[in-house]
Amino acid sequence: MYRLYGMSGSGNCYKPRLLLAQLNVEFEWVEKDILKGETHFTEYLAMNANGKVPLLEIEPGQYLAESNAILWYLAENTPYLSGDRWLRAQALQWLFFEQYSHEPYLAVARFIRKYLPPDHARYAELPRLHQQGQQALGVMDRHLERHVFFAGEQYSIADIALYAYTHVAEEGGFDLSPFAAIRGWLERVRAQPRHLAMT
């Protein structure tokens, strides 16, 4: 059985949890509180020297880090990752977009507003994060005006990766009301079989 180490409130940790639920695969969840430094304990660093979550233990001694790498591994030979070369490349394109143009703004803004006190110095970062996050949402919205999902017309790990922090974007101070295509896509993702809410 897979063992998944993560923090429940993290969108990056939610991604593999959602996919495992939709694959109907049993797994053991091990909660790690990054705010208490639990991923920097010696025992955890022996499994993941980068000291981050999520971390998938595939079998004893075999660990895979990075949320989108975990998605790719779990989705191989399933309907959530196409066997078509072009569609696989599109999925990768959106996975990279999520990590470099989306998550650094939406996720960080959410972290600041959700986990830090209002007088924390990092609140000064929010105007820049909101500006760049709005740009990422605009890219997504324009794509979704022409497509049902991100990598082709079938729900895939590209959608899971982008859904994780987009569906809680308002917690980071983002207004999704101007993005009608994104809001329609969020509803389509929620309607997928065995959808799991983020806790």
N, C-alpha and C. Protein backbone atom coordinates (compact mmCIF):
# COMPACT_ATOMS: atom_id res chain seq x y z
N MET A 1 0.84 -1.19 0.00
CA MET A 1 0.00 0.00 0.00
C MET A 1 0.88 1.25 0.00
N TYR A 2 0.49 2.22 -0.81
CA TYR A 2 1.21 3.48 -0.82
C TYR A 2 1.09 4.18 0.54
N ARG A 3 2.14 4.90 0.91
CA ARG A 3 2.07 5.78 2.07
C ARG A 3 2.37 7.20 1.58
N LEU A 4 1.47 8.13 1.89
CA LEU A 4 1.60 9.50 1.41
C LEU A 4 1.79 10.43 2.61
N TYR A 5 2.93 11.11 2.63
CA TYR A 5 3.22 12.08 3.67
C TYR A 5 2.82 13.46 3.17
N GLY A 6 2.07 14.19 3.99
CA GLY A 6 1.65 15.51 3.54
C GLY A 6 0.98 16.30 4.64
N MET A 7 0.64 17.53 4.31
CA MET A 7 -0.10 18.41 5.21
C MET A 7 -1.47 18.65 4.60
N SER A 8 -2.50 18.42 5.37
CA SER A 8 -3.87 18.43 4.85
C SER A 8 -4.25 19.73 4.16
N GLY A 9 -3.79 20.86 4.68
CA GLY A 9 -4.18 22.15 4.09
C GLY A 9 -3.39 22.56 2.89
N SER A 10 -2.45 21.76 2.46
CA SER A 10 -1.58 22.10 1.33
C SER A 10 -2.19 21.66 0.01
N GLY A 11 -2.25 22.56 -0.94
CA GLY A 11 -2.74 22.21 -2.27
C GLY A 11 -1.83 21.22 -2.97
N ASN A 12 -0.52 21.35 -2.78
CA ASN A 12 0.40 20.41 -3.41
C ASN A 12 0.18 19.00 -2.87
N CYS A 13 -0.14 18.88 -1.60
CA CYS A 13 -0.41 17.56 -1.02
C CYS A 13 -1.79 17.05 -1.41
N TYR A 14 -2.70 17.97 -1.66
CA TYR A 14 -4.06 17.59 -2.09
C TYR A 14 -4.04 16.92 -3.46
N LYS A 15 -3.15 17.34 -4.34
CA LYS A 15 -3.12 16.78 -5.70
C LYS A 15 -3.04 15.25 -5.70
N PRO A 16 -2.01 14.63 -5.08
CA PRO A 16 -1.97 13.16 -5.11
C PRO A 16 -3.09 12.51 -4.32
N ARG A 17 -3.55 13.17 -3.26
CA ARG A 17 -4.69 12.62 -2.51
C ARG A 17 -5.92 12.53 -3.41
N LEU A 18 -6.17 13.57 -4.18
CA LEU A 18 -7.32 13.58 -5.08
C LEU A 18 -7.18 12.49 -6.14
N LEU A 19 -6.01 12.40 -6.75
CA LEU A 19 -5.83 11.38 -7.79
C LEU A 19 -5.96 9.98 -7.22
N LEU A 20 -5.38 9.71 -6.08
CA LEU A 20 -5.51 8.38 -5.48
C LEU A 20 -6.96 8.04 -5.18
N ALA A 21 -7.72 9.04 -4.71
CA ALA A 21 -9.15 8.80 -4.45
C ALA A 21 -9.87 8.49 -5.75
N GLN A 22 -9.54 9.23 -6.81
CA GLN A 22 -10.23 9.01 -8.09
C GLN A 22 -9.81 7.72 -8.76
N LEU A 23 -8.60 7.26 -8.46
CA LEU A 23 -8.16 5.95 -8.94
C LEU A 23 -8.72 4.82 -8.08
N ASN A 24 -9.35 5.19 -6.97
CA ASN A 24 -9.89 4.21 -6.02
C ASN A 24 -8.78 3.29 -5.49
N VAL A 25 -7.64 3.91 -5.19
CA VAL A 25 -6.48 3.19 -4.67
C VAL A 25 -6.35 3.49 -3.18
N GLU A 26 -6.27 2.47 -2.38
CA GLU A 26 -6.10 2.67 -0.94
C GLU A 26 -4.68 3.15 -0.67
N PHE A 27 -4.55 4.03 0.33
CA PHE A 27 -3.24 4.52 0.72
C PHE A 27 -3.29 4.94 2.18
N GLU A 28 -2.12 5.00 2.78
CA GLU A 28 -2.01 5.48 4.15
C GLU A 28 -1.57 6.93 4.13
N TRP A 29 -2.29 7.77 4.83
CA TRP A 29 -1.96 9.20 4.93
C TRP A 29 -1.19 9.45 6.22
N VAL A 30 -0.05 10.13 6.11
CA VAL A 30 0.74 10.48 7.28
C VAL A 30 0.84 12.00 7.34
N GLU A 31 0.18 12.59 8.32
CA GLU A 31 0.14 14.05 8.44
C GLU A 31 1.49 14.59 8.93
N LYS A 32 1.98 15.61 8.23
CA LYS A 32 3.21 16.30 8.61
C LYS A 32 2.93 17.79 8.64
N ASP A 33 3.14 18.40 9.78
CA ASP A 33 2.87 19.83 9.95
C ASP A 33 4.14 20.61 9.62
N ILE A 34 4.14 21.23 8.45
CA ILE A 34 5.34 21.98 8.04
C ILE A 34 5.53 23.22 8.92
N LEU A 35 4.44 23.74 9.47
CA LEU A 35 4.53 24.94 10.31
C LEU A 35 5.26 24.65 11.62
N LYS A 36 5.26 23.37 12.01
CA LYS A 36 5.98 22.96 13.22
C LYS A 36 7.35 22.37 12.88
N GLY A 37 7.73 22.43 11.61
CA GLY A 37 9.05 21.95 11.20
C GLY A 37 9.19 20.44 11.13
N GLU A 38 8.06 19.73 11.06
CA GLU A 38 8.12 18.27 11.12
C GLU A 38 8.81 17.64 9.91
N THR A 39 8.90 18.36 8.80
CA THR A 39 9.59 17.80 7.63
C THR A 39 11.09 18.04 7.67
N HIS A 40 11.56 18.66 8.75
CA HIS A 40 13.00 18.89 8.90
C HIS A 40 13.61 18.05 10.02
N PHE A 41 12.80 17.13 10.54
CA PHE A 41 13.34 16.18 11.51
C PHE A 41 14.24 15.19 10.77
N THR A 42 15.21 14.66 11.47
CA THR A 42 16.21 13.78 10.86
C THR A 42 15.57 12.59 10.15
N GLU A 43 14.55 12.00 10.79
CA GLU A 43 13.90 10.82 10.22
C GLU A 43 13.25 11.13 8.88
N TYR A 44 12.62 12.31 8.78
CA TYR A 44 11.97 12.67 7.52
C TYR A 44 13.00 13.03 6.46
N LEU A 45 14.04 13.77 6.85
CA LEU A 45 15.08 14.16 5.88
C LEU A 45 15.80 12.95 5.29
N ALA A 46 15.79 11.84 6.02
CA ALA A 46 16.38 10.61 5.48
C ALA A 46 15.56 10.07 4.32
N MET A 47 14.27 10.41 4.29
CA MET A 47 13.40 9.98 3.19
C MET A 47 13.37 11.02 2.07
N ASN A 48 13.42 12.30 2.44
CA ASN A 48 13.38 13.39 1.45
C ASN A 48 14.30 14.49 1.94
N ALA A 49 15.50 14.53 1.37
CA ALA A 49 16.52 15.49 1.81
C ALA A 49 16.09 16.94 1.59
N ASN A 50 15.11 17.16 0.73
CA ASN A 50 14.62 18.51 0.47
C ASN A 50 13.68 19.00 1.57
N GLY A 51 13.25 18.11 2.43
CA GLY A 51 12.45 18.51 3.58
C GLY A 51 11.10 19.11 3.25
N LYS A 52 10.45 18.59 2.21
CA LYS A 52 9.15 19.13 1.81
C LYS A 52 8.13 18.01 1.66
N VAL A 53 6.87 18.41 1.60
CA VAL A 53 5.77 17.49 1.30
C VAL A 53 5.09 17.98 0.02
N PRO A 54 4.42 17.08 -0.70
CA PRO A 54 4.15 15.67 -0.38
C PRO A 54 5.34 14.78 -0.70
N LEU A 55 5.26 13.59 -0.14
CA LEU A 55 6.24 12.55 -0.39
C LEU A 55 5.49 11.22 -0.47
N LEU A 56 5.69 10.50 -1.55
CA LEU A 56 5.02 9.21 -1.74
C LEU A 56 6.02 8.09 -1.47
N GLU A 57 5.67 7.24 -0.53
CA GLU A 57 6.45 6.03 -0.30
C GLU A 57 5.80 4.92 -1.10
N ILE A 58 6.49 4.50 -2.15
CA ILE A 58 5.95 3.50 -3.09
C ILE A 58 6.06 2.11 -2.49
N GLU A 59 7.20 1.85 -1.91
CA GLU A 59 7.44 0.64 -1.14
C GLU A 59 8.55 0.98 -0.16
N PRO A 60 8.81 0.14 0.85
CA PRO A 60 9.82 0.51 1.84
C PRO A 60 11.15 0.88 1.20
N GLY A 61 11.61 2.09 1.50
CA GLY A 61 12.88 2.56 0.97
C GLY A 61 12.80 3.23 -0.38
N GLN A 62 11.63 3.26 -1.01
CA GLN A 62 11.48 3.89 -2.33
C GLN A 62 10.53 5.07 -2.21
N TYR A 63 11.07 6.28 -2.39
CA TYR A 63 10.31 7.51 -2.16
C TYR A 63 10.33 8.39 -3.40
N LEU A 64 9.20 9.06 -3.62
CA LEU A 64 9.09 9.99 -4.74
C LEU A 64 8.56 11.32 -4.21
N ALA A 65 9.30 12.39 -4.46
CA ALA A 65 8.90 13.73 -4.03
C ALA A 65 8.41 14.53 -5.23
N GLU A 66 7.92 15.74 -4.95
CA GLU A 66 7.39 16.70 -5.92
C GLU A 66 6.00 16.27 -6.39
N SER A 67 5.03 17.12 -6.11
CA SER A 67 3.63 16.77 -6.34
C SER A 67 3.32 16.35 -7.77
N ASN A 68 3.87 17.07 -8.74
CA ASN A 68 3.53 16.75 -10.12
C ASN A 68 4.24 15.51 -10.63
N ALA A 69 5.42 15.23 -10.09
CA ALA A 69 6.08 13.95 -10.41
C ALA A 69 5.27 12.79 -9.85
N ILE A 70 4.72 12.98 -8.65
CA ILE A 70 3.87 11.94 -8.05
C ILE A 70 2.62 11.73 -8.89
N LEU A 71 2.00 12.83 -9.34
CA LEU A 71 0.83 12.71 -10.23
C LEU A 71 1.17 11.89 -11.47
N TRP A 72 2.29 12.21 -12.09
CA TRP A 72 2.69 11.53 -13.33
C TRP A 72 2.88 10.04 -13.08
N TYR A 73 3.57 9.71 -11.98
CA TYR A 73 3.83 8.31 -11.65
C TYR A 73 2.53 7.55 -11.43
N LEU A 74 1.64 8.12 -10.64
CA LEU A 74 0.39 7.44 -10.31
C LEU A 74 -0.55 7.32 -11.50
N ALA A 75 -0.48 8.29 -12.42
CA ALA A 75 -1.43 8.32 -13.53
C ALA A 75 -1.00 7.46 -14.72
N GLU A 76 0.24 7.01 -14.73
CA GLU A 76 0.72 6.21 -15.86
C GLU A 76 -0.19 5.00 -16.07
N ASN A 77 -0.58 4.77 -17.33
CA ASN A 77 -1.45 3.65 -17.72
C ASN A 77 -2.83 3.73 -17.08
N THR A 78 -3.30 4.96 -16.85
CA THR A 78 -4.66 5.18 -16.37
C THR A 78 -5.32 6.23 -17.29
N PRO A 79 -6.63 6.41 -17.18
CA PRO A 79 -7.29 7.43 -18.01
C PRO A 79 -6.86 8.87 -17.69
N TYR A 80 -6.12 9.07 -16.60
CA TYR A 80 -5.76 10.42 -16.19
C TYR A 80 -4.47 10.92 -16.85
N LEU A 81 -3.84 10.07 -17.67
CA LEU A 81 -2.68 10.48 -18.45
C LEU A 81 -2.74 9.75 -19.79
N SER A 82 -2.91 10.51 -20.83
CA SER A 82 -3.08 9.93 -22.15
C SER A 82 -1.83 9.17 -22.60
N GLY A 83 -2.05 8.17 -23.45
CA GLY A 83 -0.94 7.49 -24.09
C GLY A 83 -0.48 8.18 -25.36
N ASP A 84 -1.23 9.20 -25.78
CA ASP A 84 -0.90 9.95 -26.99
C ASP A 84 0.26 10.91 -26.72
N ARG A 85 1.26 10.90 -27.58
CA ARG A 85 2.46 11.70 -27.35
C ARG A 85 2.16 13.19 -27.23
N TRP A 86 1.31 13.72 -28.12
CA TRP A 86 0.97 15.14 -28.11
C TRP A 86 0.20 15.52 -26.85
N LEU A 87 -0.75 14.70 -26.44
CA LEU A 87 -1.53 15.00 -25.25
C LEU A 87 -0.68 14.89 -23.98
N ARG A 88 0.26 13.96 -23.98
CA ARG A 88 1.17 13.86 -22.84
C ARG A 88 2.05 15.10 -22.74
N ALA A 89 2.50 15.60 -23.89
CA ALA A 89 3.31 16.82 -23.89
C ALA A 89 2.48 18.01 -23.41
N GLN A 90 1.21 18.05 -23.79
CA GLN A 90 0.34 19.12 -23.29
C GLN A 90 0.17 19.04 -21.78
N ALA A 91 0.01 17.82 -21.28
CA ALA A 91 -0.10 17.66 -19.83
C ALA A 91 1.15 18.19 -19.14
N LEU A 92 2.32 17.84 -19.67
CA LEU A 92 3.57 18.34 -19.09
C LEU A 92 3.63 19.87 -19.17
N GLN A 93 3.21 20.42 -20.29
CA GLN A 93 3.21 21.87 -20.45
C GLN A 93 2.45 22.54 -19.31
N TRP A 94 1.26 22.02 -19.00
CA TRP A 94 0.45 22.63 -17.95
C TRP A 94 0.98 22.32 -16.56
N LEU A 95 1.62 21.16 -16.37
CA LEU A 95 2.25 20.87 -15.09
C LEU A 95 3.39 21.85 -14.81
N PHE A 96 4.19 22.16 -15.85
CA PHE A 96 5.26 23.14 -15.68
C PHE A 96 4.68 24.54 -15.47
N PHE A 97 3.64 24.87 -16.21
CA PHE A 97 2.99 26.17 -16.03
C PHE A 97 2.51 26.31 -14.59
N GLU A 98 1.90 25.25 -14.07
CA GLU A 98 1.37 25.32 -12.71
C GLU A 98 2.48 25.60 -11.70
N GLN A 99 3.62 24.96 -11.87
CA GLN A 99 4.69 25.13 -10.89
C GLN A 99 5.47 26.43 -11.04
N TYR A 100 5.53 26.97 -12.25
CA TYR A 100 6.37 28.15 -12.47
C TYR A 100 5.59 29.45 -12.65
N SER A 101 4.35 29.38 -13.13
CA SER A 101 3.59 30.60 -13.42
C SER A 101 2.31 30.74 -12.62
N HIS A 102 1.95 29.74 -11.84
CA HIS A 102 0.67 29.71 -11.15
C HIS A 102 0.87 29.51 -9.64
N GLU A 103 1.41 28.40 -9.25
CA GLU A 103 1.57 28.06 -7.83
C GLU A 103 2.41 29.08 -7.06
N PRO A 104 3.49 29.63 -7.63
CA PRO A 104 4.29 30.60 -6.85
C PRO A 104 3.53 31.85 -6.45
N TYR A 105 2.41 32.12 -7.10
CA TYR A 105 1.64 33.33 -6.80
C TYR A 105 0.35 32.99 -6.03
N LEU A 106 -0.45 32.07 -6.56
CA LEU A 106 -1.71 31.73 -5.89
C LEU A 106 -1.45 31.03 -4.56
N ALA A 107 -0.54 30.08 -4.56
CA ALA A 107 -0.28 29.32 -3.34
C ALA A 107 0.41 30.18 -2.28
N VAL A 108 1.35 31.01 -2.70
CA VAL A 108 2.07 31.83 -1.73
C VAL A 108 1.16 32.89 -1.13
N ALA A 109 0.32 33.51 -1.97
CA ALA A 109 -0.64 34.49 -1.45
C ALA A 109 -1.58 33.82 -0.44
N ARG A 110 -2.03 32.62 -0.76
CA ARG A 110 -2.91 31.89 0.17
C ARG A 110 -2.19 31.58 1.47
N PHE A 111 -0.94 31.15 1.38
CA PHE A 111 -0.17 30.84 2.59
C PHE A 111 -0.06 32.07 3.49
N ILE A 112 0.26 33.20 2.89
CA ILE A 112 0.42 34.42 3.68
C ILE A 112 -0.87 34.78 4.39
N ARG A 113 -1.98 34.78 3.64
CA ARG A 113 -3.26 35.21 4.22
C ARG A 113 -3.85 34.18 5.18
N LYS A 114 -3.57 32.91 4.92
CA LYS A 114 -4.21 31.85 5.72
C LYS A 114 -3.40 31.49 6.98
N TYR A 115 -2.07 31.58 6.89
CA TYR A 115 -1.25 31.04 7.96
C TYR A 115 -0.41 32.08 8.71
N LEU A 116 -0.31 33.30 8.19
CA LEU A 116 0.51 34.30 8.85
C LEU A 116 -0.36 35.39 9.48
N PRO A 117 0.07 35.97 10.58
CA PRO A 117 -0.72 37.04 11.20
C PRO A 117 -0.78 38.28 10.31
N PRO A 118 -1.85 39.07 10.42
CA PRO A 118 -2.05 40.22 9.53
C PRO A 118 -0.94 41.26 9.57
N ASP A 119 -0.18 41.31 10.65
CA ASP A 119 0.90 42.30 10.73
C ASP A 119 2.25 41.75 10.28
N HIS A 120 2.24 40.56 9.69
CA HIS A 120 3.49 39.95 9.24
C HIS A 120 4.06 40.73 8.05
N ALA A 121 5.37 40.84 8.00
CA ALA A 121 6.04 41.61 6.94
C ALA A 121 5.75 41.06 5.55
N ARG A 122 5.44 39.78 5.45
CA ARG A 122 5.23 39.18 4.13
C ARG A 122 3.94 39.66 3.46
N TYR A 123 3.06 40.31 4.20
CA TYR A 123 1.86 40.88 3.57
C TYR A 123 2.21 41.92 2.52
N ALA A 124 3.39 42.49 2.61
CA ALA A 124 3.84 43.46 1.60
C ALA A 124 4.03 42.81 0.24
N GLU A 125 4.15 41.49 0.19
CA GLU A 125 4.33 40.78 -1.08
C GLU A 125 3.03 40.64 -1.85
N LEU A 126 1.89 40.82 -1.19
CA LEU A 126 0.61 40.47 -1.80
C LEU A 126 0.29 41.24 -3.09
N PRO A 127 0.54 42.54 -3.18
CA PRO A 127 0.22 43.21 -4.46
C PRO A 127 0.93 42.59 -5.66
N ARG A 128 2.20 42.27 -5.51
CA ARG A 128 2.93 41.63 -6.61
C ARG A 128 2.39 40.23 -6.89
N LEU A 129 2.12 39.47 -5.84
CA LEU A 129 1.59 38.12 -6.02
C LEU A 129 0.23 38.15 -6.70
N HIS A 130 -0.62 39.09 -6.32
CA HIS A 130 -1.94 39.20 -6.93
C HIS A 130 -1.83 39.60 -8.40
N GLN A 131 -0.94 40.51 -8.73
CA GLN A 131 -0.78 40.92 -10.12
C GLN A 131 -0.34 39.75 -10.99
N GLN A 132 0.67 39.01 -10.53
CA GLN A 132 1.18 37.91 -11.33
C GLN A 132 0.23 36.71 -11.33
N GLY A 133 -0.47 36.53 -10.21
CA GLY A 133 -1.46 35.46 -10.17
C GLY A 133 -2.63 35.74 -11.11
N GLN A 134 -3.04 37.00 -11.20
CA GLN A 134 -4.11 37.38 -12.13
C GLN A 134 -3.70 37.08 -13.57
N GLN A 135 -2.43 37.30 -13.88
CA GLN A 135 -1.95 37.00 -15.23
C GLN A 135 -2.07 35.50 -15.51
N ALA A 136 -1.69 34.67 -14.54
CA ALA A 136 -1.80 33.22 -14.72
C ALA A 136 -3.25 32.80 -14.89
N LEU A 137 -4.14 33.37 -14.10
CA LEU A 137 -5.56 33.05 -14.22
C LEU A 137 -6.09 33.48 -15.59
N GLY A 138 -5.59 34.58 -16.10
CA GLY A 138 -6.00 35.02 -17.43
C GLY A 138 -5.59 34.04 -18.51
N VAL A 139 -4.38 33.50 -18.40
CA VAL A 139 -3.92 32.49 -19.36
C VAL A 139 -4.83 31.27 -19.31
N MET A 140 -5.16 30.82 -18.11
CA MET A 140 -6.03 29.66 -17.94
C MET A 140 -7.42 29.93 -18.51
N ASP A 141 -7.96 31.11 -18.22
CA ASP A 141 -9.31 31.43 -18.64
C ASP A 141 -9.42 31.47 -20.16
N ARG A 142 -8.42 32.04 -20.81
CA ARG A 142 -8.44 32.10 -22.28
C ARG A 142 -8.37 30.71 -22.88
N HIS A 143 -7.59 29.83 -22.28
CA HIS A 143 -7.53 28.45 -22.77
C HIS A 143 -8.88 27.76 -22.60
N LEU A 144 -9.48 27.96 -21.45
CA LEU A 144 -10.74 27.28 -21.14
C LEU A 144 -11.93 27.86 -21.89
N GLU A 145 -11.79 29.00 -22.46
CA GLU A 145 -12.85 29.52 -23.34
C GLU A 145 -12.98 28.68 -24.61
N ARG A 146 -11.91 27.93 -24.94
CA ARG A 146 -11.89 27.13 -26.17
C ARG A 146 -11.82 25.62 -25.90
N HIS A 147 -11.57 25.25 -24.66
CA HIS A 147 -11.38 23.84 -24.35
C HIS A 147 -12.13 23.48 -23.06
N VAL A 148 -12.55 22.21 -22.98
CA VAL A 148 -13.27 21.73 -21.80
C VAL A 148 -12.30 21.50 -20.64
N PHE A 149 -11.12 20.95 -20.94
CA PHE A 149 -10.10 20.68 -19.94
C PHE A 149 -8.76 21.18 -20.47
N PHE A 150 -7.68 20.89 -19.75
CA PHE A 150 -6.39 21.49 -20.13
C PHE A 150 -5.58 20.69 -21.13
N ALA A 151 -5.47 19.38 -20.97
CA ALA A 151 -4.68 18.58 -21.90
C ALA A 151 -5.62 17.76 -22.76
N GLY A 152 -6.11 18.36 -23.83
CA GLY A 152 -7.12 17.71 -24.64
C GLY A 152 -8.49 17.98 -24.05
N GLU A 153 -9.45 17.17 -24.44
CA GLU A 153 -10.82 17.38 -23.99
C GLU A 153 -11.25 16.39 -22.91
N GLN A 154 -10.25 15.76 -22.29
CA GLN A 154 -10.54 14.79 -21.23
C GLN A 154 -9.85 15.21 -19.95
N TYR A 155 -10.53 15.07 -18.83
CA TYR A 155 -9.99 15.37 -17.51
C TYR A 155 -8.71 14.58 -17.27
N SER A 156 -7.69 15.25 -16.76
CA SER A 156 -6.39 14.60 -16.59
C SER A 156 -5.65 15.19 -15.40
N ILE A 157 -4.43 14.72 -15.19
CA ILE A 157 -3.61 15.25 -14.11
C ILE A 157 -3.28 16.73 -14.31
N ALA A 158 -3.35 17.22 -15.55
CA ALA A 158 -3.15 18.65 -15.76
C ALA A 158 -4.23 19.44 -15.04
N ASP A 159 -5.45 18.94 -15.08
CA ASP A 159 -6.56 19.61 -14.38
C ASP A 159 -6.40 19.49 -12.87
N ILE A 160 -5.98 18.33 -12.40
CA ILE A 160 -5.79 18.14 -10.97
C ILE A 160 -4.75 19.12 -10.45
N ALA A 161 -3.62 19.24 -11.17
CA ALA A 161 -2.54 20.13 -10.74
C ALA A 161 -3.01 21.57 -10.63
N LEU A 162 -3.78 22.03 -11.61
CA LEU A 162 -4.22 23.42 -11.62
C LEU A 162 -5.42 23.66 -10.71
N TYR A 163 -6.21 22.65 -10.50
CA TYR A 163 -7.39 22.78 -9.64
C TYR A 163 -6.99 23.02 -8.18
N ALA A 164 -5.91 22.39 -7.75
CA ALA A 164 -5.57 22.37 -6.33
C ALA A 164 -5.55 23.76 -5.71
N TYR A 165 -4.83 24.69 -6.31
CA TYR A 165 -4.77 26.03 -5.74
C TYR A 165 -5.76 27.01 -6.36
N THR A 166 -6.30 26.68 -7.55
CA THR A 166 -7.27 27.59 -8.16
C THR A 166 -8.59 27.56 -7.41
N HIS A 167 -9.02 26.39 -6.96
CA HIS A 167 -10.33 26.31 -6.33
C HIS A 167 -10.36 26.94 -4.94
N VAL A 168 -9.19 27.24 -4.39
CA VAL A 168 -9.13 27.97 -3.11
C VAL A 168 -8.44 29.32 -3.30
N ALA A 169 -8.44 29.82 -4.53
CA ALA A 169 -7.75 31.08 -4.82
C ALA A 169 -8.29 32.24 -4.00
N GLU A 170 -9.57 32.21 -3.71
CA GLU A 170 -10.16 33.32 -2.94
C GLU A 170 -9.56 33.41 -1.53
N GLU A 171 -9.06 32.31 -1.00
CA GLU A 171 -8.39 32.34 0.30
C GLU A 171 -7.09 33.15 0.23
N GLY A 172 -6.56 33.29 -0.98
CA GLY A 172 -5.36 34.09 -1.18
C GLY A 172 -5.65 35.52 -1.59
N GLY A 173 -6.95 35.85 -1.66
CA GLY A 173 -7.34 37.21 -2.02
C GLY A 173 -7.61 37.42 -3.50
N PHE A 174 -7.77 36.33 -4.25
CA PHE A 174 -8.06 36.44 -5.68
C PHE A 174 -9.57 36.40 -5.91
N ASP A 175 -10.03 37.22 -6.82
CA ASP A 175 -11.45 37.27 -7.19
C ASP A 175 -11.63 36.50 -8.49
N LEU A 176 -12.35 35.39 -8.44
CA LEU A 176 -12.56 34.57 -9.64
C LEU A 176 -13.78 34.99 -10.44
N SER A 177 -14.54 35.96 -9.96
CA SER A 177 -15.77 36.33 -10.66
C SER A 177 -15.55 36.81 -12.10
N PRO A 178 -14.41 37.45 -12.45
CA PRO A 178 -14.23 37.83 -13.85
C PRO A 178 -13.89 36.66 -14.78
N PHE A 179 -13.58 35.50 -14.21
CA PHE A 179 -13.08 34.37 -15.01
C PHE A 179 -14.17 33.31 -15.17
N ALA A 180 -15.10 33.58 -16.05
CA ALA A 180 -16.25 32.69 -16.22
C ALA A 180 -15.83 31.30 -16.70
N ALA A 181 -14.84 31.25 -17.58
CA ALA A 181 -14.41 29.95 -18.09
C ALA A 181 -13.77 29.11 -16.99
N ILE A 182 -13.00 29.75 -16.13
CA ILE A 182 -12.41 29.03 -15.00
C ILE A 182 -13.50 28.52 -14.06
N ARG A 183 -14.48 29.35 -13.78
CA ARG A 183 -15.54 28.93 -12.86
C ARG A 183 -16.33 27.75 -13.42
N GLY A 184 -16.56 27.73 -14.73
CA GLY A 184 -17.21 26.57 -15.34
C GLY A 184 -16.36 25.32 -15.25
N TRP A 185 -15.06 25.50 -15.45
CA TRP A 185 -14.13 24.37 -15.35
C TRP A 185 -14.07 23.82 -13.93
N LEU A 186 -14.07 24.70 -12.94
CA LEU A 186 -14.08 24.23 -11.55
C LEU A 186 -15.27 23.33 -11.28
N GLU A 187 -16.42 23.69 -11.82
CA GLU A 187 -17.61 22.86 -11.64
C GLU A 187 -17.45 21.51 -12.33
N ARG A 188 -16.82 21.50 -13.50
CA ARG A 188 -16.61 20.23 -14.21
C ARG A 188 -15.65 19.33 -13.42
N VAL A 189 -14.64 19.93 -12.82
CA VAL A 189 -13.71 19.13 -12.02
C VAL A 189 -14.43 18.56 -10.79
N ARG A 190 -15.22 19.38 -10.11
CA ARG A 190 -15.95 18.90 -8.93
C ARG A 190 -16.92 17.78 -9.27
N ALA A 191 -17.37 17.75 -10.51
CA ALA A 191 -18.36 16.74 -10.93
C ALA A 191 -17.71 15.40 -11.31
N GLN A 192 -16.39 15.32 -11.29
CA GLN A 192 -15.71 14.08 -11.68
C GLN A 192 -15.97 12.98 -10.65
N PRO A 193 -16.02 11.73 -11.10
CA PRO A 193 -16.27 10.61 -10.17
C PRO A 193 -15.24 10.58 -9.04
N ARG A 194 -15.72 10.25 -7.85
CA ARG A 194 -14.89 10.08 -6.66
C ARG A 194 -14.11 11.34 -6.31
N HIS A 195 -14.69 12.49 -6.63
CA HIS A 195 -14.04 13.74 -6.25
C HIS A 195 -13.87 13.83 -4.74
N LEU A 196 -12.75 14.34 -4.33
CA LEU A 196 -12.43 14.45 -2.91
C LEU A 196 -12.20 15.92 -2.56
N ALA A 197 -12.89 16.42 -1.57
CA ALA A 197 -12.71 17.82 -1.16
C ALA A 197 -11.40 17.96 -0.39
N MET A 198 -10.80 19.14 -0.49
CA MET A 198 -9.58 19.40 0.28
C MET A 198 -9.97 19.72 1.72
N THR A 199 -9.28 19.11 2.68
CA THR A 199 -9.59 19.35 4.09
C THR A 199 -8.64 20.36 4.68
